[in-house]
Every structure is written in structure tokens, then in C-alpha cells.
Amino acid sequence: MTRVVVDVMLKPEILDPQGKAVAAALPRLGFTGFTDVRQGKRFELTVDGPATPEVLAQVRQAADTLLSNPVIEDVVAVRVENPADDAGQTGGPASAASGAAK
């Protein structure tokens, strides 16, 4: 089985009140040096078999039509994630995103 991850973010011109609230809370909690926060969504889809180009095209279509609202959101990444990368991790740093922009 293969895991495909889809990242969806609000378009830059859309206000992000949750991101603003987090940005305001960071310095109050002692986290300094951050200038902006944007909130997004992450979807993990498990596919039976390898992530072929056809499967990734189907995931991209699902992301564009169901997982995101194209009026206010962009699909910023569709990537294959190796479940072995997560073995034993309970909150470590996230893996770097390699995006496939629209």
C-alpha cells in the first residue's frame, strides 16, 4: 500500500483568521521570530498498489474537485509518502514538501 498526501492552502488573497490567531499567540508563548502563519489542510489517501502516474492523476483530480474549494483554496502539493518514513515517530519534524503546483 502507498500513501499519497495532498496539501491544500487558502489562496494568498484570502484572509486567514486562524493563522492570524496562531501568529498572535506564538510570541505570548515564547516562540519568537515568526512573521506570518497560514493554516491549511492535509489529506492522506492510501492506495492499493504503487502510485503510478494514472493513480496520481486521479488523486489530483479528486483534490481539485472534492478535497479543495477552488474559489478560496489551492492544491499546493500532491506527493507520495513512504509510510516507513513515519515508523517510530511521534511528533518529530515533518518531511519536506515536494509540491506539484496547479
PDB file of N, CA and C in Angstrom:
ATOM      1  N   MET A   1       0.837  -1.181   0.000  1.00  0.00           N
ATOM      2  CA  MET A   1       0.000   0.000   0.000  1.00  0.00           C
ATOM      3  C   MET A   1       0.880   1.243   0.000  1.00  0.00           C
ATOM      4  N   THR A   2       0.369   2.267  -0.637  1.00  0.00           N
ATOM      5  CA  THR A   2       1.103   3.513  -0.792  1.00  0.00           C
ATOM      6  C   THR A   2       0.261   4.659  -0.259  1.00  0.00           C
ATOM      7  N   ARG A   3       0.907   5.601   0.396  1.00  0.00           N
ATOM      8  CA  ARG A   3       0.210   6.775   0.907  1.00  0.00           C
ATOM      9  C   ARG A   3       0.518   7.968   0.008  1.00  0.00           C
ATOM     10  N   VAL A   4      -0.547   8.638  -0.440  1.00  0.00           N
ATOM     11  CA  VAL A   4      -0.410   9.855  -1.216  1.00  0.00           C
ATOM     12  C   VAL A   4      -0.948  10.993  -0.355  1.00  0.00           C
ATOM     13  N   VAL A   5      -0.161  12.046  -0.226  1.00  0.00           N
ATOM     14  CA  VAL A   5      -0.520  13.188   0.618  1.00  0.00           C
ATOM     15  C   VAL A   5      -0.875  14.374  -0.270  1.00  0.00           C
ATOM     16  N   VAL A   6      -1.985  15.025   0.082  1.00  0.00           N
ATOM     17  CA  VAL A   6      -2.435  16.218  -0.633  1.00  0.00           C
ATOM     18  C   VAL A   6      -2.450  17.370   0.371  1.00  0.00           C
ATOM     19  N   ASP A   7      -1.770  18.458   0.039  1.00  0.00           N
ATOM     20  CA  ASP A   7      -1.770  19.663   0.869  1.00  0.00           C
ATOM     21  C   ASP A   7      -2.591  20.733   0.176  1.00  0.00           C
ATOM     22  N   VAL A   8      -3.512  21.337   0.939  1.00  0.00           N
ATOM     23  CA  VAL A   8      -4.394  22.380   0.425  1.00  0.00           C
ATOM     24  C   VAL A   8      -4.209  23.611   1.315  1.00  0.00           C
ATOM     25  N   MET A   9      -4.040  24.773   0.681  1.00  0.00           N
ATOM     26  CA  MET A   9      -3.868  26.026   1.420  1.00  0.00           C
ATOM     27  C   MET A   9      -4.850  27.059   0.898  1.00  0.00           C
ATOM     28  N   LEU A  10      -5.219  27.992   1.778  1.00  0.00           N
ATOM     29  CA  LEU A  10      -6.008  29.125   1.336  1.00  0.00           C
ATOM     30  C   LEU A  10      -5.212  29.917   0.306  1.00  0.00           C
ATOM     31  N   LYS A  11      -5.901  30.473  -0.672  1.00  0.00           N
ATOM     32  CA  LYS A  11      -5.222  31.331  -1.648  1.00  0.00           C
ATOM     33  C   LYS A  11      -4.636  32.535  -0.904  1.00  0.00           C
ATOM     34  N   PRO A  12      -3.530  33.082  -1.407  1.00  0.00           N
ATOM     35  CA  PRO A  12      -2.861  34.184  -0.693  1.00  0.00           C
ATOM     36  C   PRO A  12      -3.765  35.389  -0.444  1.00  0.00           C
ATOM     37  N   GLU A  13      -4.711  35.648  -1.323  1.00  0.00           N
ATOM     38  CA  GLU A  13      -5.565  36.822  -1.162  1.00  0.00           C
ATOM     39  C   GLU A  13      -6.724  36.606  -0.185  1.00  0.00           C
ATOM     40  N   ILE A  14      -6.898  35.390   0.309  1.00  0.00           N
ATOM     41  CA  ILE A  14      -7.973  35.068   1.251  1.00  0.00           C
ATOM     42  C   ILE A  14      -7.475  35.285   2.678  1.00  0.00           C
ATOM     43  N   LEU A  15      -8.241  36.018   3.462  1.00  0.00           N
ATOM     44  CA  LEU A  15      -7.884  36.235   4.865  1.00  0.00           C
ATOM     45  C   LEU A  15      -7.870  34.907   5.613  1.00  0.00           C
ATOM     46  N   ASP A  16      -6.954  34.776   6.559  1.00  0.00           N
ATOM     47  CA  ASP A  16      -6.787  33.541   7.322  1.00  0.00           C
ATOM     48  C   ASP A  16      -6.854  33.867   8.814  1.00  0.00           C
ATOM     49  N   PRO A  17      -8.071  33.963   9.390  1.00  0.00           N
ATOM     50  CA  PRO A  17      -8.183  34.336  10.800  1.00  0.00           C
ATOM     51  C   PRO A  17      -7.541  33.326  11.752  1.00  0.00           C
ATOM     52  N   GLN A  18      -7.590  32.035  11.414  1.00  0.00           N
ATOM     53  CA  GLN A  18      -6.949  31.044  12.283  1.00  0.00           C
ATOM     54  C   GLN A  18      -5.430  31.234  12.269  1.00  0.00           C
ATOM     55  N   GLY A  19      -4.869  31.477  11.094  1.00  0.00           N
ATOM     56  CA  GLY A  19      -3.439  31.738  11.002  1.00  0.00           C
ATOM     57  C   GLY A  19      -3.043  32.986  11.775  1.00  0.00           C
ATOM     58  N   LYS A  20      -3.872  34.031  11.686  1.00  0.00           N
ATOM     59  CA  LYS A  20      -3.594  35.269  12.432  1.00  0.00           C
ATOM     60  C   LYS A  20      -3.627  35.016  13.939  1.00  0.00           C
ATOM     61  N   ALA A  21      -4.591  34.214  14.399  1.00  0.00           N
ATOM     62  CA  ALA A  21      -4.687  33.911  15.834  1.00  0.00           C
ATOM     63  C   ALA A  21      -3.456  33.143  16.306  1.00  0.00           C
ATOM     64  N   VAL A  22      -3.002  32.186  15.514  1.00  0.00           N
ATOM     65  CA  VAL A  22      -1.803  31.419  15.881  1.00  0.00           C
ATOM     66  C   VAL A  22      -0.588  32.339  15.877  1.00  0.00           C
ATOM     67  N   ALA A  23      -0.484  33.205  14.870  1.00  0.00           N
ATOM     68  CA  ALA A  23       0.648  34.134  14.803  1.00  0.00           C
ATOM     69  C   ALA A  23       0.695  35.054  16.018  1.00  0.00           C
ATOM     70  N   ALA A  24      -0.479  35.479  16.490  1.00  0.00           N
ATOM     71  CA  ALA A  24      -0.528  36.347  17.668  1.00  0.00           C
ATOM     72  C   ALA A  24      -0.177  35.588  18.946  1.00  0.00           C
ATOM     73  N   ALA A  25      -0.507  34.305  19.000  1.00  0.00           N
ATOM     74  CA  ALA A  25      -0.251  33.513  20.202  1.00  0.00           C
ATOM     75  C   ALA A  25       1.203  33.078  20.332  1.00  0.00           C
ATOM     76  N   LEU A  26       1.898  32.902  19.231  1.00  0.00           N
ATOM     77  CA  LEU A  26       3.278  32.402  19.285  1.00  0.00           C
ATOM     78  C   LEU A  26       4.183  33.226  20.204  1.00  0.00           C
ATOM     79  N   PRO A  27       4.269  34.554  20.058  1.00  0.00           N
ATOM     80  CA  PRO A  27       5.168  35.302  20.939  1.00  0.00           C
ATOM     81  C   PRO A  27       4.726  35.283  22.406  1.00  0.00           C
ATOM     82  N   ARG A  28       3.422  35.208  22.631  1.00  0.00           N
ATOM     83  CA  ARG A  28       2.939  35.135  24.018  1.00  0.00           C
ATOM     84  C   ARG A  28       3.381  33.837  24.691  1.00  0.00           C
ATOM     85  N   LEU A  29       3.634  32.808  23.873  1.00  0.00           N
ATOM     86  CA  LEU A  29       4.082  31.522  24.408  1.00  0.00           C
ATOM     87  C   LEU A  29       5.598  31.360  24.342  1.00  0.00           C
ATOM     88  N   GLY A  30       6.293  32.436  23.958  1.00  0.00           N
ATOM     89  CA  GLY A  30       7.751  32.402  23.954  1.00  0.00           C
ATOM     90  C   GLY A  30       8.372  31.989  22.632  1.00  0.00           C
ATOM     91  N   PHE A  31       7.577  31.820  21.583  1.00  0.00           N
ATOM     92  CA  PHE A  31       8.104  31.466  20.262  1.00  0.00           C
ATOM     93  C   PHE A  31       8.253  32.750  19.456  1.00  0.00           C
ATOM     94  N   THR A  32       9.481  33.150  19.202  1.00  0.00           N
ATOM     95  CA  THR A  32       9.719  34.425  18.524  1.00  0.00           C
ATOM     96  C   THR A  32      10.342  34.201  17.148  1.00  0.00           C
ATOM     97  N   GLY A  33      10.311  35.256  16.346  1.00  0.00           N
ATOM     98  CA  GLY A  33      10.954  35.205  15.043  1.00  0.00           C
ATOM     99  C   GLY A  33      10.031  34.805  13.904  1.00  0.00           C
ATOM    100  N   PHE A  34       8.767  34.533  14.183  1.00  0.00           N
ATOM    101  CA  PHE A  34       7.833  34.161  13.133  1.00  0.00           C
ATOM    102  C   PHE A  34       7.072  35.405  12.692  1.00  0.00           C
ATOM    103  N   THR A  35       6.980  35.630  11.389  1.00  0.00           N
ATOM    104  CA  THR A  35       6.333  36.836  10.890  1.00  0.00           C
ATOM    105  C   THR A  35       4.937  36.586  10.341  1.00  0.00           C
ATOM    106  N   ASP A  36       4.607  35.345   9.989  1.00  0.00           N
ATOM    107  CA  ASP A  36       3.295  35.045   9.426  1.00  0.00           C
ATOM    108  C   ASP A  36       2.986  33.570   9.614  1.00  0.00           C
ATOM    109  N   VAL A  37       1.710  33.261   9.721  1.00  0.00           N
ATOM    110  CA  VAL A  37       1.246  31.876   9.805  1.00  0.00           C
ATOM    111  C   VAL A  37       0.053  31.743   8.876  1.00  0.00           C
ATOM    112  N   ARG A  38       0.045  30.696   8.068  1.00  0.00           N
ATOM    113  CA  ARG A  38      -1.097  30.372   7.224  1.00  0.00           C
ATOM    114  C   ARG A  38      -1.548  28.959   7.582  1.00  0.00           C
ATOM    115  N   GLN A  39      -2.832  28.778   7.744  1.00  0.00           N
ATOM    116  CA  GLN A  39      -3.409  27.491   8.102  1.00  0.00           C
ATOM    117  C   GLN A  39      -3.805  26.766   6.829  1.00  0.00           C
ATOM    118  N   GLY A  40      -3.635  25.450   6.804  1.00  0.00           N
ATOM    119  CA  GLY A  40      -4.014  24.656   5.637  1.00  0.00           C
ATOM    120  C   GLY A  40      -4.582  23.313   6.042  1.00  0.00           C
ATOM    121  N   LYS A  41      -4.773  22.454   5.043  1.00  0.00           N
ATOM    122  CA  LYS A  41      -5.311  21.122   5.270  1.00  0.00           C
ATOM    123  C   LYS A  41      -4.377  20.093   4.644  1.00  0.00           C
ATOM    124  N   ARG A  42      -4.309  18.927   5.268  1.00  0.00           N
ATOM    125  CA  ARG A  42      -3.516  17.807   4.757  1.00  0.00           C
ATOM    126  C   ARG A  42      -4.436  16.602   4.667  1.00  0.00           C
ATOM    127  N   PHE A  43      -4.454  15.957   3.513  1.00  0.00           N
ATOM    128  CA  PHE A  43      -5.218  14.735   3.307  1.00  0.00           C
ATOM    129  C   PHE A  43      -4.248  13.604   3.024  1.00  0.00           C
ATOM    130  N   GLU A  44      -4.469  12.450   3.631  1.00  0.00           N
ATOM    131  CA  GLU A  44      -3.663  11.259   3.366  1.00  0.00           C
ATOM    132  C   GLU A  44      -4.567  10.207   2.737  1.00  0.00           C
ATOM    133  N   LEU A  45      -4.247   9.819   1.521  1.00  0.00           N
ATOM    134  CA  LEU A  45      -5.020   8.817   0.800  1.00  0.00           C
ATOM    135  C   LEU A  45      -4.157   7.577   0.655  1.00  0.00           C
ATOM    136  N   THR A  46      -4.661   6.438   1.078  1.00  0.00           N
ATOM    137  CA  THR A  46      -3.941   5.190   0.940  1.00  0.00           C
ATOM    138  C   THR A  46      -4.458   4.473  -0.299  1.00  0.00           C
ATOM    139  N   VAL A  47      -3.541   4.122  -1.186  1.00  0.00           N
ATOM    140  CA  VAL A  47      -3.915   3.434  -2.412  1.00  0.00           C
ATOM    141  C   VAL A  47      -3.396   2.005  -2.366  1.00  0.00           C
ATOM    142  N   ASP A  48      -4.163   1.122  -2.974  1.00  0.00           N
ATOM    143  CA  ASP A  48      -3.788  -0.284  -3.029  1.00  0.00           C
ATOM    144  C   ASP A  48      -2.863  -0.467  -4.224  1.00  0.00           C
ATOM    145  N   GLY A  49      -1.591  -0.633  -3.967  1.00  0.00           N
ATOM    146  CA  GLY A  49      -0.622  -0.782  -5.041  1.00  0.00           C
ATOM    147  C   GLY A  49       0.265   0.442  -5.147  1.00  0.00           C
ATOM    148  N   PRO A  50       1.083   0.481  -6.207  1.00  0.00           N
ATOM    149  CA  PRO A  50       2.021   1.591  -6.366  1.00  0.00           C
ATOM    150  C   PRO A  50       1.324   2.864  -6.832  1.00  0.00           C
ATOM    151  N   ALA A  51       1.985   3.977  -6.616  1.00  0.00           N
ATOM    152  CA  ALA A  51       1.471   5.274  -7.035  1.00  0.00           C
ATOM    153  C   ALA A  51       1.930   5.530  -8.467  1.00  0.00           C
ATOM    154  N   THR A  52       1.183   4.989  -9.400  1.00  0.00           N
ATOM    155  CA  THR A  52       1.501   5.160 -10.817  1.00  0.00           C
ATOM    156  C   THR A  52       1.093   6.562 -11.264  1.00  0.00           C
ATOM    157  N   PRO A  53       1.566   6.998 -12.417  1.00  0.00           N
ATOM    158  CA  PRO A  53       1.119   8.303 -12.930  1.00  0.00           C
ATOM    159  C   PRO A  53      -0.403   8.396 -13.058  1.00  0.00           C
ATOM    160  N   GLU A  54      -1.048   7.284 -13.395  1.00  0.00           N
ATOM    161  CA  GLU A  54      -2.507   7.276 -13.504  1.00  0.00           C
ATOM    162  C   GLU A  54      -3.154   7.487 -12.141  1.00  0.00           C
ATOM    163  N   VAL A  55      -2.628   6.833 -11.118  1.00  0.00           N
ATOM    164  CA  VAL A  55      -3.153   6.994  -9.756  1.00  0.00           C
ATOM    165  C   VAL A  55      -2.953   8.428  -9.290  1.00  0.00           C
ATOM    166  N   LEU A  56      -1.767   8.985  -9.526  1.00  0.00           N
ATOM    167  CA  LEU A  56      -1.506  10.362  -9.110  1.00  0.00           C
ATOM    168  C   LEU A  56      -2.401  11.351  -9.854  1.00  0.00           C
ATOM    169  N   ALA A  57      -2.695  11.090 -11.124  1.00  0.00           N
ATOM    170  CA  ALA A  57      -3.620  11.945 -11.872  1.00  0.00           C
ATOM    171  C   ALA A  57      -5.021  11.867 -11.272  1.00  0.00           C
ATOM    172  N   GLN A  58      -5.427  10.676 -10.843  1.00  0.00           N
ATOM    173  CA  GLN A  58      -6.736  10.509 -10.210  1.00  0.00           C
ATOM    174  C   GLN A  58      -6.781  11.238  -8.866  1.00  0.00           C
ATOM    175  N   VAL A  59      -5.703  11.164  -8.096  1.00  0.00           N
ATOM    176  CA  VAL A  59      -5.626  11.886  -6.824  1.00  0.00           C
ATOM    177  C   VAL A  59      -5.699  13.385  -7.078  1.00  0.00           C
ATOM    178  N   ARG A  60      -4.978  13.872  -8.091  1.00  0.00           N
ATOM    179  CA  ARG A  60      -5.002  15.300  -8.420  1.00  0.00           C
ATOM    180  C   ARG A  60      -6.419  15.743  -8.787  1.00  0.00           C
ATOM    181  N   GLN A  61      -7.124  14.910  -9.557  1.00  0.00           N
ATOM    182  CA  GLN A  61      -8.496  15.245  -9.938  1.00  0.00           C
ATOM    183  C   GLN A  61      -9.401  15.286  -8.710  1.00  0.00           C
ATOM    184  N   ALA A  62      -9.245  14.317  -7.809  1.00  0.00           N
ATOM    185  CA  ALA A  62     -10.035  14.315  -6.571  1.00  0.00           C
ATOM    186  C   ALA A  62      -9.706  15.539  -5.727  1.00  0.00           C
ATOM    187  N   ALA A  63      -8.430  15.904  -5.681  1.00  0.00           N
ATOM    188  CA  ALA A  63      -8.021  17.072  -4.898  1.00  0.00           C
ATOM    189  C   ALA A  63      -8.634  18.350  -5.465  1.00  0.00           C
ATOM    190  N   ASP A  64      -8.660  18.462  -6.778  1.00  0.00           N
ATOM    191  CA  ASP A  64      -9.196  19.659  -7.414  1.00  0.00           C
ATOM    192  C   ASP A  64     -10.715  19.756  -7.311  1.00  0.00           C
ATOM    193  N   THR A  65     -11.418  18.607  -7.263  1.00  0.00           N
ATOM    194  CA  THR A  65     -12.880  18.642  -7.304  1.00  0.00           C
ATOM    195  C   THR A  65     -13.550  18.397  -5.962  1.00  0.00           C
ATOM    196  N   LEU A  66     -12.883  17.690  -5.049  1.00  0.00           N
ATOM    197  CA  LEU A  66     -13.530  17.319  -3.784  1.00  0.00           C
ATOM    198  C   LEU A  66     -12.780  17.816  -2.554  1.00  0.00           C
ATOM    199  N   LEU A  67     -11.474  17.676  -2.543  1.00  0.00           N
ATOM    200  CA  LEU A  67     -10.700  17.978  -1.338  1.00  0.00           C
ATOM    201  C   LEU A  67     -10.447  19.466  -1.145  1.00  0.00           C
ATOM    202  N   SER A  68     -10.593  20.244  -2.189  1.00  0.00           N
ATOM    203  CA  SER A  68     -10.366  21.688  -2.079  1.00  0.00           C
ATOM    204  C   SER A  68     -11.565  22.445  -2.625  1.00  0.00           C
ATOM    205  N   ASN A  69     -11.692  23.677  -2.161  1.00  0.00           N
ATOM    206  CA  ASN A  69     -12.685  24.606  -2.698  1.00  0.00           C
ATOM    207  C   ASN A  69     -11.917  25.548  -3.617  1.00  0.00           C
ATOM    208  N   PRO A  70     -12.022  25.368  -4.939  1.00  0.00           N
ATOM    209  CA  PRO A  70     -11.178  26.140  -5.849  1.00  0.00           C
ATOM    210  C   PRO A  70     -11.423  27.647  -5.820  1.00  0.00           C
ATOM    211  N   VAL A  71     -12.508  28.078  -5.214  1.00  0.00           N
ATOM    212  CA  VAL A  71     -12.765  29.510  -5.118  1.00  0.00           C
ATOM    213  C   VAL A  71     -11.814  30.160  -4.117  1.00  0.00           C
ATOM    214  N   ILE A  72     -11.515  29.458  -3.015  1.00  0.00           N
ATOM    215  CA  ILE A  72     -10.701  30.061  -1.961  1.00  0.00           C
ATOM    216  C   ILE A  72      -9.426  29.283  -1.632  1.00  0.00           C
ATOM    217  N   GLU A  73      -9.242  28.101  -2.228  1.00  0.00           N
ATOM    218  CA  GLU A  73      -8.090  27.259  -1.869  1.00  0.00           C
ATOM    219  C   GLU A  73      -7.327  26.809  -3.110  1.00  0.00           C
ATOM    220  N   ASP A  74      -6.037  26.527  -2.904  1.00  0.00           N
ATOM    221  CA  ASP A  74      -5.168  25.953  -3.925  1.00  0.00           C
ATOM    222  C   ASP A  74      -4.661  24.606  -3.440  1.00  0.00           C
ATOM    223  N   VAL A  75      -4.574  23.643  -4.339  1.00  0.00           N
ATOM    224  CA  VAL A  75      -3.878  22.390  -4.055  1.00  0.00           C
ATOM    225  C   VAL A  75      -2.405  22.696  -4.291  1.00  0.00           C
ATOM    226  N   VAL A  76      -1.615  22.690  -3.217  1.00  0.00           N
ATOM    227  CA  VAL A  76      -0.222  23.112  -3.342  1.00  0.00           C
ATOM    228  C   VAL A  76       0.750  21.950  -3.472  1.00  0.00           C
ATOM    229  N   ALA A  77       0.314  20.736  -3.120  1.00  0.00           N
ATOM    230  CA  ALA A  77       1.217  19.594  -3.246  1.00  0.00           C
ATOM    231  C   ALA A  77       0.416  18.299  -3.315  1.00  0.00           C
ATOM    232  N   VAL A  78       0.868  17.418  -4.194  1.00  0.00           N
ATOM    233  CA  VAL A  78       0.404  16.032  -4.233  1.00  0.00           C
ATOM    234  C   VAL A  78       1.679  15.222  -4.281  1.00  0.00           C
ATOM    235  N   ARG A  79       1.910  14.410  -3.261  1.00  0.00           N
ATOM    236  CA  ARG A  79       3.178  13.683  -3.201  1.00  0.00           C
ATOM    237  C   ARG A  79       2.977  12.297  -2.606  1.00  0.00           C
ATOM    238  N   VAL A  80       3.874  11.413  -2.951  1.00  0.00           N
ATOM    239  CA  VAL A  80       3.877  10.070  -2.396  1.00  0.00           C
ATOM    240  C   VAL A  80       4.719  10.106  -1.137  1.00  0.00           C
ATOM    241  N   GLU A  81       4.184   9.537  -0.070  1.00  0.00           N
ATOM    242  CA  GLU A  81       4.902   9.499   1.199  1.00  0.00           C
ATOM    243  C   GLU A  81       5.127   8.045   1.580  1.00  0.00           C
ATOM    244  N   ASN A  82       6.341   7.738   1.946  1.00  0.00           N
ATOM    245  CA  ASN A  82       6.690   6.383   2.339  1.00  0.00           C
ATOM    246  C   ASN A  82       6.297   6.167   3.793  1.00  0.00           C
ATOM    247  N   PRO A  83       5.364   5.246   4.076  1.00  0.00           N
ATOM    248  CA  PRO A  83       4.966   5.005   5.464  1.00  0.00           C
ATOM    249  C   PRO A  83       6.139   4.616   6.361  1.00  0.00           C
ATOM    250  N   ALA A  84       7.198   4.036   5.794  1.00  0.00           N
ATOM    251  CA  ALA A  84       8.364   3.667   6.593  1.00  0.00           C
ATOM    252  C   ALA A  84       9.043   4.909   7.160  1.00  0.00           C
ATOM    253  N   ASP A  85       8.860   6.073   6.493  1.00  0.00           N
ATOM    254  CA  ASP A  85       9.452   7.317   6.990  1.00  0.00           C
ATOM    255  C   ASP A  85       8.867   7.698   8.340  1.00  0.00           C
ATOM    256  N   ASP A  86       7.629   7.277   8.613  1.00  0.00           N
ATOM    257  CA  ASP A  86       6.933   7.642   9.840  1.00  0.00           C
ATOM    258  C   ASP A  86       7.158   6.651  10.976  1.00  0.00           C
ATOM    259  N   ALA A  87       7.798   5.541  10.715  1.00  0.00           N
ATOM    260  CA  ALA A  87       7.955   4.497  11.720  1.00  0.00           C
ATOM    261  C   ALA A  87       8.680   5.028  12.942  1.00  0.00           C
ATOM    262  N   GLY A  88       8.038   4.882  14.080  1.00  0.00           N
ATOM    263  CA  GLY A  88       8.656   5.268  15.336  1.00  0.00           C
ATOM    264  C   GLY A  88       8.603   6.738  15.646  1.00  0.00           C
ATOM    265  N   GLN A  89       8.051   7.558  14.768  1.00  0.00           N
ATOM    266  CA  GLN A  89       7.983   8.994  15.034  1.00  0.00           C
ATOM    267  C   GLN A  89       6.668   9.324  15.714  1.00  0.00           C
ATOM    268  N   THR A  90       6.747  10.137  16.752  1.00  0.00           N
ATOM    269  CA  THR A  90       5.543  10.541  17.476  1.00  0.00           C
ATOM    270  C   THR A  90       5.506  12.045  17.637  1.00  0.00           C
ATOM    271  N   GLY A  91       5.735  12.742  16.549  1.00  0.00           N
ATOM    272  CA  GLY A  91       5.682  14.199  16.620  1.00  0.00           C
ATOM    273  C   GLY A  91       6.971  14.872  16.231  1.00  0.00           C
ATOM    274  N   GLY A  92       7.821  14.173  15.515  1.00  0.00           N
ATOM    275  CA  GLY A  92       9.066  14.761  15.043  1.00  0.00           C
ATOM    276  C   GLY A  92       8.804  15.705  13.904  1.00  0.00           C
ATOM    277  N   PRO A  93       9.843  16.271  13.341  1.00  0.00           N
ATOM    278  CA  PRO A  93       9.668  17.228  12.250  1.00  0.00           C
ATOM    279  C   PRO A  93       9.014  16.582  11.043  1.00  0.00           C
ATOM    280  N   ALA A  94       8.201  17.356  10.372  1.00  0.00           N
ATOM    281  CA  ALA A  94       7.517  16.858   9.176  1.00  0.00           C
ATOM    282  C   ALA A  94       8.507  16.747   8.031  1.00  0.00           C
ATOM    283  N   SER A  95       8.218  15.821   7.124  1.00  0.00           N
ATOM    284  CA  SER A  95       9.079  15.685   5.962  1.00  0.00           C
ATOM    285  C   SER A  95       8.874  16.873   5.040  1.00  0.00           C
ATOM    286  N   ALA A  96       9.887  17.202   4.290  1.00  0.00           N
ATOM    287  CA  ALA A  96       9.828  18.356   3.394  1.00  0.00           C
ATOM    288  C   ALA A  96       8.808  18.104   2.294  1.00  0.00           C
ATOM    289  N   ALA A  97       8.062  19.128   1.956  1.00  0.00           N
ATOM    290  CA  ALA A  97       7.038  19.008   0.921  1.00  0.00           C
ATOM    291  C   ALA A  97       7.667  19.185  -0.445  1.00  0.00           C
ATOM    292  N   SER A  98       7.296  18.302  -1.350  1.00  0.00           N
ATOM    293  CA  SER A  98       7.679  18.485  -2.735  1.00  0.00           C
ATOM    294  C   SER A  98       6.385  18.627  -3.502  1.00  0.00           C
ATOM    295  N   GLY A  99       6.096  19.826  -3.925  1.00  0.00           N
ATOM    296  CA  GLY A  99       4.781  20.143  -4.448  1.00  0.00           C
ATOM    297  C   GLY A  99       4.676  19.990  -5.950  1.00  0.00           C
ATOM    298  N   ALA A 100       3.452  19.767  -6.368  1.00  0.00           N
ATOM    299  CA  ALA A 100       3.098  19.787  -7.773  1.00  0.00           C
ATOM    300  C   ALA A 100       2.034  20.851  -7.905  1.00  0.00           C
ATOM    301  N   ALA A 101       2.451  22.036  -8.281  1.00  0.00           N
ATOM    302  CA  ALA A 101       1.522  23.164  -8.334  1.00  0.00           C
ATOM    303  C   ALA A 101       0.509  22.980  -9.453  1.00  0.00           C
ATOM    304  N   LYS A 102      -0.622  23.660  -9.304  1.00  0.00           N
ATOM    305  CA  LYS A 102      -1.661  23.602 -10.337  1.00  0.00           C
ATOM    306  C   LYS A 102      -1.164  24.165 -11.636  1.00  0.00           C
TER     307      LYS A 102
END
